[in-house]
Protein backbone atom coordinates (compact mmCIF):
# COMPACT_ATOMS: atom_id res chain seq x y z
CA MET A 1 -14.44 -115.28 94.98
CA SER A 2 -17.98 -114.66 93.79
CA ASP A 3 -19.64 -111.27 94.14
CA ALA A 4 -22.19 -112.83 96.49
CA SER A 5 -19.48 -113.68 99.03
CA GLN A 6 -17.78 -110.25 98.95
CA GLU A 7 -18.08 -108.01 101.99
CA LEU A 8 -20.15 -104.99 101.12
CA VAL A 9 -19.94 -101.51 102.62
CA SER A 10 -22.40 -98.67 102.22
CA GLY A 11 -21.38 -95.25 101.02
CA GLY A 12 -22.13 -93.75 104.41
CA HIS A 13 -20.02 -96.28 106.29
CA LEU A 14 -17.23 -95.88 103.76
CA VAL A 15 -17.18 -92.11 104.23
CA ALA A 16 -17.08 -92.64 108.01
CA LYS A 17 -14.02 -94.89 107.62
CA VAL A 18 -12.24 -92.14 105.68
CA LEU A 19 -13.19 -89.52 108.26
CA LYS A 20 -11.62 -91.72 110.91
CA ALA A 21 -8.47 -92.13 108.81
CA GLU A 22 -8.29 -88.35 108.41
CA GLY A 23 -8.20 -87.85 112.16
CA VAL A 24 -11.81 -86.74 112.68
CA GLU A 25 -12.75 -87.41 116.30
CA VAL A 26 -16.12 -85.72 116.51
CA VAL A 27 -18.79 -84.64 114.04
CA TYR A 28 -21.39 -81.98 114.73
CA THR A 29 -24.75 -82.53 113.13
CA LEU A 30 -28.46 -81.97 113.00
CA GLY A 31 -30.13 -85.20 112.01
CA GLY A 32 -31.99 -85.71 108.77
CA GLY A 33 -33.31 -88.77 106.98
CA ARG A 34 -30.84 -88.43 104.14
CA ILE A 35 -27.69 -88.77 106.26
CA THR A 36 -28.72 -91.52 108.68
CA ASP A 37 -26.35 -94.08 107.18
CA LEU A 38 -23.46 -91.67 107.65
CA HIS A 39 -24.40 -91.21 111.30
CA ASP A 40 -24.49 -94.99 111.71
CA GLY A 41 -21.08 -95.30 110.09
CA CYS A 42 -19.58 -92.70 112.41
CA ALA A 43 -20.94 -94.60 115.42
CA ASP A 44 -19.33 -97.82 114.13
CA GLU A 45 -15.98 -96.02 113.71
CA GLY A 46 -16.02 -94.60 117.23
CA ILE A 47 -16.48 -91.02 116.05
CA ASP A 48 -18.51 -88.95 118.51
CA VAL A 49 -21.74 -87.68 116.99
CA VAL A 50 -22.90 -84.49 118.69
CA GLY A 51 -26.41 -83.37 117.81
CA VAL A 52 -27.27 -79.67 117.88
CA ARG A 53 -30.44 -77.64 117.31
CA GLN A 54 -29.42 -75.65 114.24
CA GLU A 55 -27.15 -76.46 111.31
CA ARG A 56 -25.21 -73.24 111.60
CA VAL A 57 -24.25 -74.28 115.13
CA ALA A 58 -22.85 -77.54 113.77
CA VAL A 59 -20.62 -75.72 111.29
CA HIS A 60 -19.44 -73.08 113.78
CA ALA A 61 -18.59 -75.90 116.20
CA ALA A 62 -16.58 -77.71 113.52
CA ASP A 63 -14.82 -74.43 112.77
CA GLY A 64 -14.08 -73.92 116.47
CA HIS A 65 -12.77 -77.48 116.81
CA ALA A 66 -10.30 -76.89 113.98
CA ARG A 67 -9.11 -73.58 115.43
CA ILE A 68 -8.53 -75.04 118.88
CA THR A 69 -6.96 -78.37 118.00
CA GLY A 70 -5.34 -77.79 114.60
CA ARG A 71 -7.05 -80.95 113.43
CA PRO A 72 -9.85 -80.95 110.87
CA GLY A 73 -13.37 -80.12 111.96
CA CYS A 74 -16.38 -81.85 110.43
CA ALA A 75 -20.10 -81.12 110.24
CA LEU A 76 -22.87 -83.24 108.74
CA VAL A 77 -26.17 -81.73 107.62
CA THR A 78 -29.14 -82.86 105.62
CA SER A 79 -30.52 -81.33 102.44
CA GLY A 80 -32.44 -78.12 101.71
CA PRO A 81 -32.41 -75.72 104.64
CA GLY A 82 -29.89 -78.01 106.32
CA ILE A 83 -27.26 -76.96 103.79
CA THR A 84 -28.43 -73.38 103.27
CA ASP A 85 -28.52 -72.77 107.03
CA ALA A 86 -24.93 -74.00 107.15
CA LEU A 87 -23.75 -71.50 104.54
CA THR A 88 -23.04 -68.69 107.02
CA GLY A 89 -20.84 -70.94 109.13
CA VAL A 90 -18.89 -72.08 106.09
CA ALA A 91 -18.35 -68.48 104.99
CA GLY A 92 -17.07 -67.65 108.48
CA ALA A 93 -14.62 -70.55 108.41
CA PHE A 94 -13.46 -69.48 104.96
CA ARG A 95 -12.58 -65.95 106.08
CA ALA A 96 -11.03 -67.30 109.30
CA GLU A 97 -8.88 -69.83 107.38
CA SER A 98 -10.26 -72.74 109.35
CA PRO A 99 -9.79 -76.29 107.97
CA MET A 100 -13.08 -78.15 108.13
CA LEU A 101 -15.30 -80.33 105.98
CA LEU A 102 -19.04 -79.91 105.59
CA ILE A 103 -20.91 -82.90 104.20
CA GLY A 104 -24.44 -82.29 102.97
CA GLY A 105 -26.82 -85.08 102.05
CA PRO A 106 -29.24 -84.02 99.30
CA GLY A 107 -31.90 -86.19 97.76
CA ALA A 108 -31.33 -89.11 95.44
CA ASP A 109 -29.02 -88.24 92.55
CA GLY A 110 -31.26 -90.20 90.22
CA ARG A 111 -33.97 -87.56 90.71
CA HIS A 112 -31.74 -84.54 90.19
CA THR A 113 -33.43 -81.70 88.25
CA MET A 114 -36.81 -83.45 88.54
CA GLY A 115 -37.99 -81.12 91.29
CA SER A 116 -37.50 -83.42 94.25
CA LEU A 117 -37.85 -82.02 97.75
CA GLN A 118 -35.03 -79.68 98.81
CA GLU A 119 -33.07 -79.42 95.57
CA PRO A 120 -31.08 -76.14 95.35
CA PRO A 121 -27.68 -76.11 93.53
CA TYR A 122 -25.61 -76.81 96.64
CA VAL A 123 -22.17 -76.98 95.05
CA ASP A 124 -22.78 -73.68 93.27
CA LEU A 125 -23.84 -72.10 96.57
CA MET A 126 -20.76 -73.32 98.42
CA ASP A 127 -18.12 -72.83 95.74
CA PRO A 128 -17.38 -69.12 96.46
CA VAL A 129 -16.81 -69.71 100.20
CA THR A 130 -14.85 -72.98 100.12
CA LYS A 131 -11.48 -74.15 98.87
CA PHE A 132 -13.10 -77.20 97.31
CA ALA A 133 -16.72 -78.11 96.56
CA ALA A 134 -17.88 -81.19 94.67
CA THR A 135 -20.54 -83.88 94.32
CA VAL A 136 -19.73 -87.50 95.10
CA PRO A 137 -21.20 -89.39 92.12
CA ASP A 138 -21.10 -92.94 93.51
CA PRO A 139 -19.82 -94.90 96.54
CA ALA A 140 -16.69 -96.08 94.75
CA HIS A 141 -15.45 -92.49 94.46
CA ALA A 142 -16.46 -91.42 97.96
CA ALA A 143 -13.17 -92.20 99.70
CA GLY A 144 -11.05 -90.44 97.10
CA LEU A 145 -13.16 -87.31 97.12
CA VAL A 146 -13.24 -87.10 100.91
CA SER A 147 -9.45 -87.36 100.95
CA MET A 148 -9.18 -84.73 98.22
CA ALA A 149 -11.47 -82.40 100.17
CA PHE A 150 -9.24 -82.65 103.24
CA ARG A 151 -6.09 -82.12 101.18
CA GLU A 152 -7.58 -78.93 99.79
CA CYS A 153 -8.42 -77.78 103.33
CA TYR A 154 -4.70 -77.63 104.06
CA LEU A 155 -3.32 -76.42 100.73
CA GLY A 156 -1.76 -72.99 101.31
CA ALA A 157 -3.84 -71.00 103.77
CA PRO A 158 -6.31 -73.44 105.39
CA GLY A 159 -10.04 -73.29 104.78
CA PRO A 160 -13.27 -75.29 104.48
CA SER A 161 -14.35 -77.83 101.88
CA PHE A 162 -17.84 -79.02 100.97
CA LEU A 163 -19.03 -82.37 99.66
CA GLU A 164 -22.53 -83.04 98.39
CA ILE A 165 -23.25 -86.74 98.84
CA PRO A 166 -26.71 -87.74 97.58
CA SER A 167 -28.75 -90.07 99.74
CA ASP A 168 -28.67 -92.91 97.21
CA VAL A 169 -24.86 -92.71 97.18
CA LEU A 170 -24.74 -92.90 100.99
CA ASP A 171 -27.15 -95.84 101.05
CA ALA A 172 -25.72 -97.84 98.12
CA LYS A 173 -23.28 -100.66 98.82
CA VAL A 174 -20.05 -101.60 97.08
CA PRO A 175 -17.53 -104.40 97.66
CA LEU A 176 -15.20 -103.32 100.44
CA GLU A 177 -12.14 -104.65 98.61
CA LYS A 178 -12.86 -102.27 95.71
CA ALA A 179 -13.20 -99.22 97.94
CA ARG A 180 -9.94 -97.34 98.45
CA ILE A 181 -9.63 -96.31 102.08
CA PRO A 182 -6.57 -94.09 102.55
CA GLU A 183 -4.16 -95.10 105.27
CA ALA A 184 -3.89 -92.45 107.93
CA GLY A 185 -0.97 -90.10 107.37
CA HIS A 186 0.12 -91.66 104.05
CA HIS A 187 -1.89 -89.79 101.47
CA ARG A 188 -1.35 -86.11 102.26
CA ALA A 189 1.89 -84.57 101.01
CA PRO A 190 3.76 -82.27 103.42
CA ALA A 191 2.64 -78.70 102.74
CA ARG A 192 4.76 -76.56 105.11
CA ALA A 193 6.54 -74.03 102.92
CA ALA A 194 9.64 -72.52 104.51
CA GLY A 195 9.68 -69.44 102.28
CA ASP A 196 12.22 -68.40 99.68
CA PRO A 197 15.72 -68.59 101.31
CA GLU A 198 16.88 -65.32 99.72
CA ALA A 199 13.78 -63.52 100.96
CA VAL A 200 14.25 -64.93 104.47
CA GLU A 201 17.88 -63.77 104.45
CA LYS A 202 16.74 -60.31 103.39
CA LEU A 203 14.22 -60.27 106.24
CA ALA A 204 17.00 -61.14 108.69
CA ASP A 205 19.10 -58.27 107.31
CA LEU A 206 16.20 -55.82 107.67
CA LEU A 207 15.62 -56.91 111.27
CA VAL A 208 19.29 -56.49 112.15
CA ARG A 209 19.53 -52.98 110.64
CA ALA A 210 16.18 -51.64 111.92
CA GLU A 211 16.26 -49.02 114.67
CA LYS A 212 12.53 -49.10 115.40
CA PRO A 213 11.02 -52.42 114.28
CA ALA A 214 7.59 -53.79 115.19
CA VAL A 215 5.98 -57.12 114.41
CA LEU A 216 2.28 -57.93 114.15
CA LEU A 217 1.55 -61.61 114.87
CA GLY A 218 -1.72 -62.71 113.27
CA GLY A 219 -3.84 -65.83 113.32
CA GLN A 220 -1.52 -67.92 111.14
CA VAL A 221 1.08 -67.88 113.92
CA TRP A 222 -1.31 -70.11 115.88
CA THR A 223 -2.60 -71.96 112.80
CA THR A 224 0.94 -73.08 111.91
CA ARG A 225 1.77 -73.64 115.58
CA GLY A 226 4.56 -71.12 115.16
CA THR A 227 4.21 -69.63 118.65
CA ASP A 228 7.63 -70.75 119.88
CA ALA A 229 9.32 -69.43 116.75
CA ALA A 230 7.59 -66.05 117.11
CA VAL A 231 8.58 -65.76 120.77
CA ALA A 232 12.17 -66.75 119.97
CA LEU A 233 12.43 -64.03 117.30
CA VAL A 234 11.12 -61.14 119.39
CA ARG A 235 13.28 -62.09 122.36
CA ALA A 236 16.50 -62.78 120.45
CA LEU A 237 16.25 -59.56 118.43
CA ASN A 238 14.51 -57.41 121.07
CA VAL A 239 11.52 -56.58 118.88
CA PRO A 240 8.13 -55.36 120.22
CA ALA A 241 5.23 -57.61 119.26
CA TYR A 242 1.53 -56.87 118.72
CA THR A 243 -1.11 -59.53 118.10
CA ASN A 244 -4.56 -59.94 116.59
CA GLY A 245 -7.09 -62.74 116.14
CA ALA A 246 -5.85 -66.17 117.06
CA GLY A 247 -2.36 -64.72 117.46
CA ARG A 248 -3.44 -63.32 120.82
CA GLY A 249 -1.77 -65.09 123.70
CA THR A 250 1.47 -65.71 121.79
CA LEU A 251 3.13 -63.64 124.48
CA ALA A 252 1.64 -63.57 127.96
CA PRO A 253 0.50 -60.25 129.44
CA GLY A 254 3.44 -58.68 131.23
CA ASP A 255 6.02 -60.17 128.89
CA PRO A 256 8.58 -57.40 128.16
CA HIS A 257 8.00 -57.82 124.41
CA HIS A 258 4.20 -57.89 124.57
CA PHE A 259 2.49 -54.63 123.61
CA GLU A 260 -1.15 -53.83 122.85
CA LEU A 261 -2.49 -50.32 123.39
CA SER A 262 0.50 -48.55 121.83
CA ARG A 263 -0.06 -50.12 118.40
CA PRO A 264 -1.13 -46.88 116.64
CA TYR A 265 1.96 -45.11 117.98
CA ALA A 266 4.27 -47.96 117.00
CA PHE A 267 2.92 -48.31 113.48
CA ALA A 268 3.14 -44.54 112.94
CA ASN A 269 6.78 -44.34 114.09
CA ALA A 270 8.39 -47.68 113.22
CA ASP A 271 11.01 -47.91 110.50
CA LEU A 272 10.30 -51.64 109.91
CA ILE A 273 6.93 -53.37 110.28
CA VAL A 274 6.70 -57.15 109.84
CA VAL A 275 3.13 -58.41 109.37
CA VAL A 276 2.85 -62.14 109.98
CA GLY A 277 -0.14 -64.23 108.97
CA THR A 278 -2.84 -61.58 108.79
CA PRO A 279 -4.19 -59.68 105.76
CA PHE A 280 -4.45 -55.95 105.16
CA ASP A 281 -8.21 -56.07 105.59
CA ILE A 282 -10.66 -53.91 107.54
CA ARG A 283 -8.97 -54.81 110.85
CA ALA A 284 -5.73 -53.24 109.60
CA GLY A 285 -7.36 -50.30 107.86
CA TYR A 286 -6.48 -51.98 104.55
CA GLY A 287 -2.84 -51.18 105.28
CA THR A 288 -3.33 -47.42 105.65
CA ARG A 289 -2.49 -47.42 109.38
CA LEU A 290 1.16 -48.23 108.74
CA SER A 291 3.72 -45.45 108.43
CA PRO A 292 4.21 -44.51 104.76
CA THR A 293 7.97 -44.28 105.35
CA ALA A 294 8.34 -47.66 107.08
CA THR A 295 9.75 -50.71 105.36
CA VAL A 296 6.89 -53.23 105.31
CA VAL A 297 7.32 -57.01 105.19
CA GLN A 298 4.40 -59.43 104.89
CA ILE A 299 4.52 -63.18 105.58
CA ASP A 300 1.52 -65.32 104.66
CA LEU A 301 0.58 -68.86 103.68
CA ASP A 302 -1.37 -67.57 100.67
CA HIS A 303 0.52 -65.75 97.93
CA ARG A 304 -2.69 -63.95 96.98
CA THR A 305 -2.75 -62.19 100.35
CA VAL A 306 0.81 -60.90 100.09
CA ASP A 307 0.92 -57.35 98.69
CA LYS A 308 -2.88 -57.08 98.63
CA ASN A 309 -4.41 -53.63 99.29
CA ARG A 310 -1.06 -51.85 99.72
CA ASP A 311 2.47 -51.93 98.41
CA ILE A 312 5.06 -53.73 100.49
CA ASP A 313 8.85 -53.92 100.37
CA LEU A 314 9.21 -57.67 100.88
CA GLY A 315 6.70 -60.49 100.62
CA ILE A 316 7.31 -64.06 101.77
CA THR A 317 4.90 -66.90 101.08
CA GLY A 318 5.34 -69.60 103.68
CA ASP A 319 4.65 -71.14 107.05
CA ALA A 320 4.90 -68.47 109.77
CA GLY A 321 6.77 -70.68 112.21
CA LEU A 322 9.34 -71.88 109.69
CA VAL A 323 9.95 -68.42 108.21
CA LEU A 324 10.36 -66.75 111.60
CA SER A 325 12.61 -69.52 112.87
CA SER A 326 14.88 -69.24 109.82
CA ALA A 327 14.98 -65.45 110.08
CA THR A 328 15.95 -65.63 113.76
CA GLU A 329 18.73 -68.09 113.03
CA ALA A 330 20.10 -65.95 110.21
CA ALA A 331 19.91 -62.70 112.21
CA SER A 332 21.31 -64.14 115.42
CA ALA A 333 24.42 -65.28 113.59
CA ARG A 334 25.42 -61.64 113.00
CA ILE A 335 28.01 -60.08 115.28
CA ASP A 336 25.56 -57.29 116.09
CA SER A 337 21.91 -58.34 115.86
CA GLY A 338 20.76 -54.84 116.79
CA SER A 339 19.02 -55.99 119.96
CA VAL A 340 20.98 -53.70 122.31
CA ARG A 341 20.38 -50.45 120.46
CA ARG A 342 16.62 -51.11 120.38
CA LYS A 343 16.25 -50.77 124.14
CA ALA A 344 15.39 -47.07 123.80
CA TRP A 345 12.66 -47.90 121.24
CA LEU A 346 11.02 -50.39 123.58
CA GLU A 347 11.09 -47.85 126.42
CA GLU A 348 9.47 -45.32 124.10
CA LEU A 349 6.68 -47.81 123.38
CA ARG A 350 6.24 -48.62 127.06
CA THR A 351 5.66 -44.95 127.70
CA ALA A 352 3.05 -44.88 124.93
CA GLU A 353 1.49 -48.03 126.39
CA ARG A 354 1.20 -46.44 129.85
CA THR A 355 -0.28 -43.25 128.38
CA ALA A 356 -2.97 -45.22 126.54
CA ALA A 357 -3.69 -47.35 129.61
CA ASP A 358 -4.01 -44.26 131.83
CA LYS A 359 -6.52 -42.80 129.37
CA LEU A 360 -8.67 -45.92 129.67
CA LEU A 361 -8.33 -46.34 133.43
CA PRO A 362 -11.30 -44.17 134.51
CA GLN A 363 -13.66 -46.26 132.39
CA LEU A 364 -12.06 -49.58 133.38
CA THR A 365 -12.63 -48.79 137.06
CA SER A 366 -15.89 -46.84 136.70
CA ASP A 367 -18.45 -47.42 139.46
CA ALA A 368 -21.26 -46.00 137.35
CA ALA A 369 -24.57 -47.78 136.94
CA PRO A 370 -25.67 -48.82 134.39
CA ILE A 371 -22.30 -50.52 134.11
CA HIS A 372 -19.79 -49.14 131.64
CA PRO A 373 -18.81 -51.92 129.20
CA TYR A 374 -15.13 -51.17 129.76
CA ARG A 375 -15.61 -52.02 133.45
CA LEU A 376 -17.22 -55.30 132.45
CA VAL A 377 -14.39 -56.42 130.16
CA HIS A 378 -11.83 -55.26 132.74
CA GLU A 379 -13.41 -57.55 135.33
CA ILE A 380 -13.44 -60.42 132.83
CA ASP A 381 -9.75 -59.90 132.08
CA ARG A 382 -8.94 -60.04 135.80
CA PHE A 383 -11.07 -63.19 136.14
CA LEU A 384 -9.20 -65.23 133.51
CA THR A 385 -6.66 -67.79 134.67
CA GLU A 386 -3.65 -69.21 132.84
CA ASP A 387 -5.91 -72.00 131.64
CA SER A 388 -8.99 -70.01 130.58
CA VAL A 389 -10.10 -70.15 126.96
CA TYR A 390 -11.73 -66.82 126.13
CA ILE A 391 -14.47 -66.58 123.48
CA GLY A 392 -15.94 -63.33 122.20
CA ASP A 393 -19.26 -63.26 120.32
CA GLY A 394 -20.74 -60.07 118.96
CA GLY A 395 -19.81 -56.79 117.31
CA GLY A 396 -19.13 -53.77 119.49
CA ILE A 397 -18.57 -55.72 122.70
CA VAL A 398 -15.97 -57.97 121.02
CA THR A 399 -14.14 -54.98 119.54
CA LEU A 400 -14.06 -53.31 122.93
CA ALA A 401 -12.92 -56.48 124.70
CA GLY A 402 -10.06 -56.79 122.21
CA GLN A 403 -8.51 -53.68 123.77
CA VAL A 404 -8.63 -55.05 127.30
CA VAL A 405 -9.03 -58.84 127.55
CA GLN A 406 -5.71 -60.64 127.17
CA PRO A 407 -5.50 -64.44 127.09
CA LYS A 408 -2.66 -65.80 129.14
CA SER A 409 -1.60 -68.57 126.72
CA PRO A 410 -1.53 -69.23 122.96
CA GLY A 411 -4.61 -70.85 121.46
CA HIS A 412 -6.84 -69.46 124.20
CA TRP A 413 -8.69 -66.79 122.17
CA LEU A 414 -11.58 -67.28 119.75
CA ASP A 415 -13.64 -64.57 118.08
CA PRO A 416 -16.01 -64.32 115.10
CA GLY A 417 -13.14 -63.67 112.68
CA PRO A 418 -13.06 -61.39 109.64
CA LEU A 419 -16.61 -62.26 108.56
CA GLY A 420 -17.76 -60.72 111.84
CA THR A 421 -20.38 -63.42 112.35
CA PRO A 422 -22.57 -62.91 115.43
CA GLY A 423 -23.69 -66.18 116.98
CA VAL A 424 -20.42 -68.12 117.06
CA GLY A 425 -20.20 -68.06 120.87
CA ILE A 426 -22.27 -71.06 121.95
CA PRO A 427 -20.93 -73.30 119.12
CA PHE A 428 -17.35 -72.29 119.99
CA VAL A 429 -18.01 -73.08 123.65
CA LEU A 430 -19.32 -76.50 122.59
CA ALA A 431 -16.23 -77.16 120.49
CA ALA A 432 -13.82 -75.93 123.15
CA LYS A 433 -15.34 -78.00 125.94
CA ARG A 434 -15.50 -81.14 123.77
CA ALA A 435 -11.93 -80.72 122.55
CA ARG A 436 -10.40 -79.51 125.82
CA PRO A 437 -12.71 -80.72 128.60
CA GLY A 438 -10.21 -79.88 131.34
CA LYS A 439 -10.00 -76.20 130.45
CA GLU A 440 -12.21 -73.43 131.73
CA VAL A 441 -14.13 -71.61 129.00
CA VAL A 442 -15.21 -68.00 129.51
CA ALA A 443 -17.48 -66.50 126.84
CA LEU A 444 -18.64 -62.90 126.44
CA PHE A 445 -21.74 -62.34 124.30
CA GLY A 446 -23.37 -59.24 122.97
CA ASP A 447 -27.12 -59.34 123.51
CA GLY A 448 -27.57 -59.03 119.75
CA ALA A 449 -25.33 -62.03 119.11
CA PHE A 450 -26.40 -64.57 121.73
CA PRO A 451 -29.98 -65.14 120.47
CA ARG A 452 -28.71 -66.23 117.03
CA THR A 453 -27.62 -69.61 118.40
CA GLY A 454 -28.61 -69.32 122.06
CA TRP A 455 -30.99 -72.29 122.15
CA ASP A 456 -27.99 -74.59 121.94
CA PHE A 457 -27.21 -73.53 125.49
CA GLU A 458 -29.42 -76.56 126.13
CA THR A 459 -26.92 -78.72 124.20
CA LEU A 460 -24.24 -77.67 126.69
CA VAL A 461 -26.55 -78.56 129.57
CA ARG A 462 -27.45 -81.89 127.95
CA HIS A 463 -23.79 -82.84 127.56
CA ASN A 464 -22.81 -81.48 130.99
CA LEU A 465 -20.31 -78.95 129.60
CA PRO A 466 -19.91 -76.15 132.16
CA PHE A 467 -18.66 -72.72 131.16
CA VAL A 468 -18.81 -69.15 132.41
CA GLY A 469 -20.97 -67.05 130.10
CA ILE A 470 -21.49 -63.29 130.32
CA ILE A 471 -23.97 -61.22 128.33
CA GLY A 472 -23.38 -57.50 127.94
CA ASN A 473 -27.04 -56.54 127.88
CA ASN A 474 -27.88 -53.01 126.70
CA SER A 475 -30.82 -53.81 124.34
CA PRO A 476 -29.77 -51.85 121.21
CA ILE A 477 -27.48 -53.16 118.48
CA ASP A 478 -24.87 -50.43 118.85
CA PRO A 479 -23.05 -50.18 115.49
CA THR A 480 -26.21 -49.77 113.43
CA ARG A 481 -27.89 -47.62 116.07
CA TYR A 482 -24.89 -45.27 116.08
CA ALA A 483 -24.88 -45.14 112.29
CA GLU A 484 -28.45 -43.92 112.22
CA ALA A 485 -27.93 -41.44 115.04
CA ALA A 486 -24.80 -40.03 113.41
CA ALA A 487 -26.41 -39.73 109.99
CA TYR A 488 -29.97 -38.70 110.82
CA GLY A 489 -29.94 -37.47 114.42
CA HIS A 490 -30.77 -39.16 117.70
CA LYS A 491 -34.50 -38.93 117.07
CA ARG A 492 -34.07 -41.44 114.24
CA GLU A 493 -31.75 -43.91 115.97
CA ARG A 494 -34.62 -46.35 116.41
CA ALA A 495 -35.69 -46.20 112.77
CA GLY A 496 -34.05 -49.51 111.90
CA GLY A 497 -35.60 -51.43 114.76
CA HIS A 498 -32.24 -51.89 116.48
CA HIS A 499 -33.59 -51.77 120.03
CA LEU A 500 -34.09 -55.34 121.19
CA GLY A 501 -36.42 -56.56 123.87
CA ASP A 502 -35.42 -56.48 127.52
CA ILE A 503 -34.67 -60.16 128.06
CA SER A 504 -33.69 -61.78 131.37
CA TYR A 505 -30.99 -64.07 130.04
CA ASP A 506 -30.28 -65.28 133.57
CA THR A 507 -33.82 -66.67 133.72
CA PHE A 508 -33.34 -68.21 130.28
CA ALA A 509 -30.25 -70.08 131.55
CA GLN A 510 -32.10 -71.33 134.61
CA MET A 511 -35.04 -72.48 132.49
CA LEU A 512 -32.71 -74.71 130.45
CA GLY A 513 -31.03 -76.19 133.51
CA GLY A 514 -28.01 -73.90 133.79
CA TYR A 515 -26.86 -71.26 136.26
CA GLY A 516 -28.11 -67.69 135.82
CA GLU A 517 -27.62 -64.43 137.66
CA GLU A 518 -28.32 -60.77 136.93
CA VAL A 519 -25.82 -57.99 137.71
CA ARG A 520 -26.59 -54.26 137.81
CA ASP A 521 -23.85 -52.99 140.15
CA PRO A 522 -20.22 -53.12 138.92
CA ALA A 523 -19.05 -54.28 142.34
CA ASP A 524 -21.11 -57.44 141.86
CA ILE A 525 -19.47 -58.54 138.60
CA ALA A 526 -16.48 -60.37 140.10
CA PRO A 527 -18.49 -62.24 142.78
CA ALA A 528 -21.05 -63.30 140.15
CA LEU A 529 -18.30 -64.64 137.90
CA ARG A 530 -16.88 -66.66 140.78
CA ARG A 531 -20.29 -68.10 141.62
CA ALA A 532 -20.78 -69.11 138.00
CA ARG A 533 -17.42 -70.87 138.03
CA GLU A 534 -18.25 -72.66 141.27
CA SER A 535 -21.69 -73.75 140.05
CA GLY A 536 -20.20 -76.40 137.75
CA LEU A 537 -22.97 -75.65 135.23
CA PRO A 538 -23.30 -73.86 131.92
CA SER A 539 -23.97 -70.31 133.05
CA LEU A 540 -25.11 -66.88 131.92
CA ILE A 541 -24.38 -63.75 133.92
CA ASN A 542 -26.76 -61.10 132.61
CA VAL A 543 -24.88 -57.80 133.03
CA ARG A 544 -26.88 -54.62 132.47
CA VAL A 545 -24.47 -52.29 130.67
CA ASP A 546 -24.88 -48.63 129.79
CA PRO A 547 -26.91 -48.34 126.56
CA ASP A 548 -25.37 -44.92 125.82
CA ALA A 549 -21.72 -46.06 125.98
CA TYR A 550 -20.66 -46.49 122.37
CA VAL A 551 -17.59 -48.46 121.35
CA PRO A 552 -14.84 -46.07 120.18
CA ALA A 553 -14.13 -48.17 117.10
CA THR A 554 -17.75 -47.72 116.02
CA MET A 555 -17.62 -43.96 116.53
CA ASN A 556 -14.35 -43.69 114.61
CA GLN A 557 -15.54 -45.43 111.46
CA THR A 558 -15.56 -43.03 108.54
CA ARG A 559 -18.98 -44.00 107.27
CA TYR A 560 -20.55 -42.78 110.51
CA LYS A 561 -19.09 -39.26 110.20
């Protein structure tokens, strides 16, 4: 066959074929002239192309898609500010261990280093916050590098990859028969590590012998879809469970093994603490909040996370679901699994749970105006159904909600993650409604977080994606305001410009075609939430909360004292 008669495929269409083979169903993008062929290829492959108003939104949405579905997320951006604007979203996905691919389309490779428009060192920028970053040199190598990028996304703890594909590579054509397009499901080796058998057996022995065990179920429990295994372990062995991040919802509120507010008491008094799929980072006080006399076990997909920031007694590198399932099987085979003698320990924790809840109750039910933020999150928690996906976006308000708002099912909680990125809310709503259109999405925003990506509220209106949005509106950015007040006195708490303008976010929602309502009386919160649900539109309930009610976690941070 002569070259003239060979079927040719462009680099952009070839990449789209590989994305399809990798299971990509939707790409989030902000159009640019250098990636038009890739957009066209995605359309040919039946991949939904969702256009947004800011590149960071595209990446956060791809991140959210991966967290919700377990399948890879994908974002496409153009060169220059397209890629640099995306950097924050990639860094957030990296810290959150979210498998997604960002493709950036810089200028023609043939003009590299000549000073062409929008020519920063993209791979160098992305390398520290990705698991894999590379340039695609020509169309013939495009398929292999896309496949490699996705493999790296799932190697060990998941995370993002980045590919720089120059515009001349996307536009150039090669013979289709010479382009290797991986067959779906055939090119990625299984990567679920079950953990060292001897270590798992030791874990089972520790669980059986422990008088006062506690387990912390982190985000990797959901990432590995190990929810059933985690539930089986705590029930079979009668172990109290605490959750954080995407691990929330593993056990439904009211489950006899689900605990939340008694965590400090449990971790100070337990004789065995098993930490599953979450690092000893700032959220865990770098490991200092665990009893120094407790036996500590850590299970994680990444060996570099195990034993980081504090000494542990047993570390297991592996898939949370597989490790917990094996440990349950080994422990349950013992004549005495220890479950009966732990009844007194669970009652002790229930007492601590009730004490902590009683301490919060006056604020949860406060009728004060301006509205106490604890009352707001209490009403949101009561509003959620079994099918509600809850999204938190912000700093102080998300920390506070974490004490009160409890998703009813696994995979129904999304937050900014360890990077603490404000502005993830609207992109996460977009991802959740696209991936799970039948589910209700309820999102709580801080008024310092919402404006970062708030204009893409219009994207939700444009695509007819209803959700219930709430803004805790108090004008100042609390953590930094409190820092200045604590360090320099209340007269200087405005020195950093942390007081924002008084914005009517309800009017903003109405202006863009959504539903908006303002609430100043706590008794009006629940009715407003119901009206937003019934509107069938993207909505914002603008709740005026007390500007002088600081989040306890902010006040307790050492640097503010």
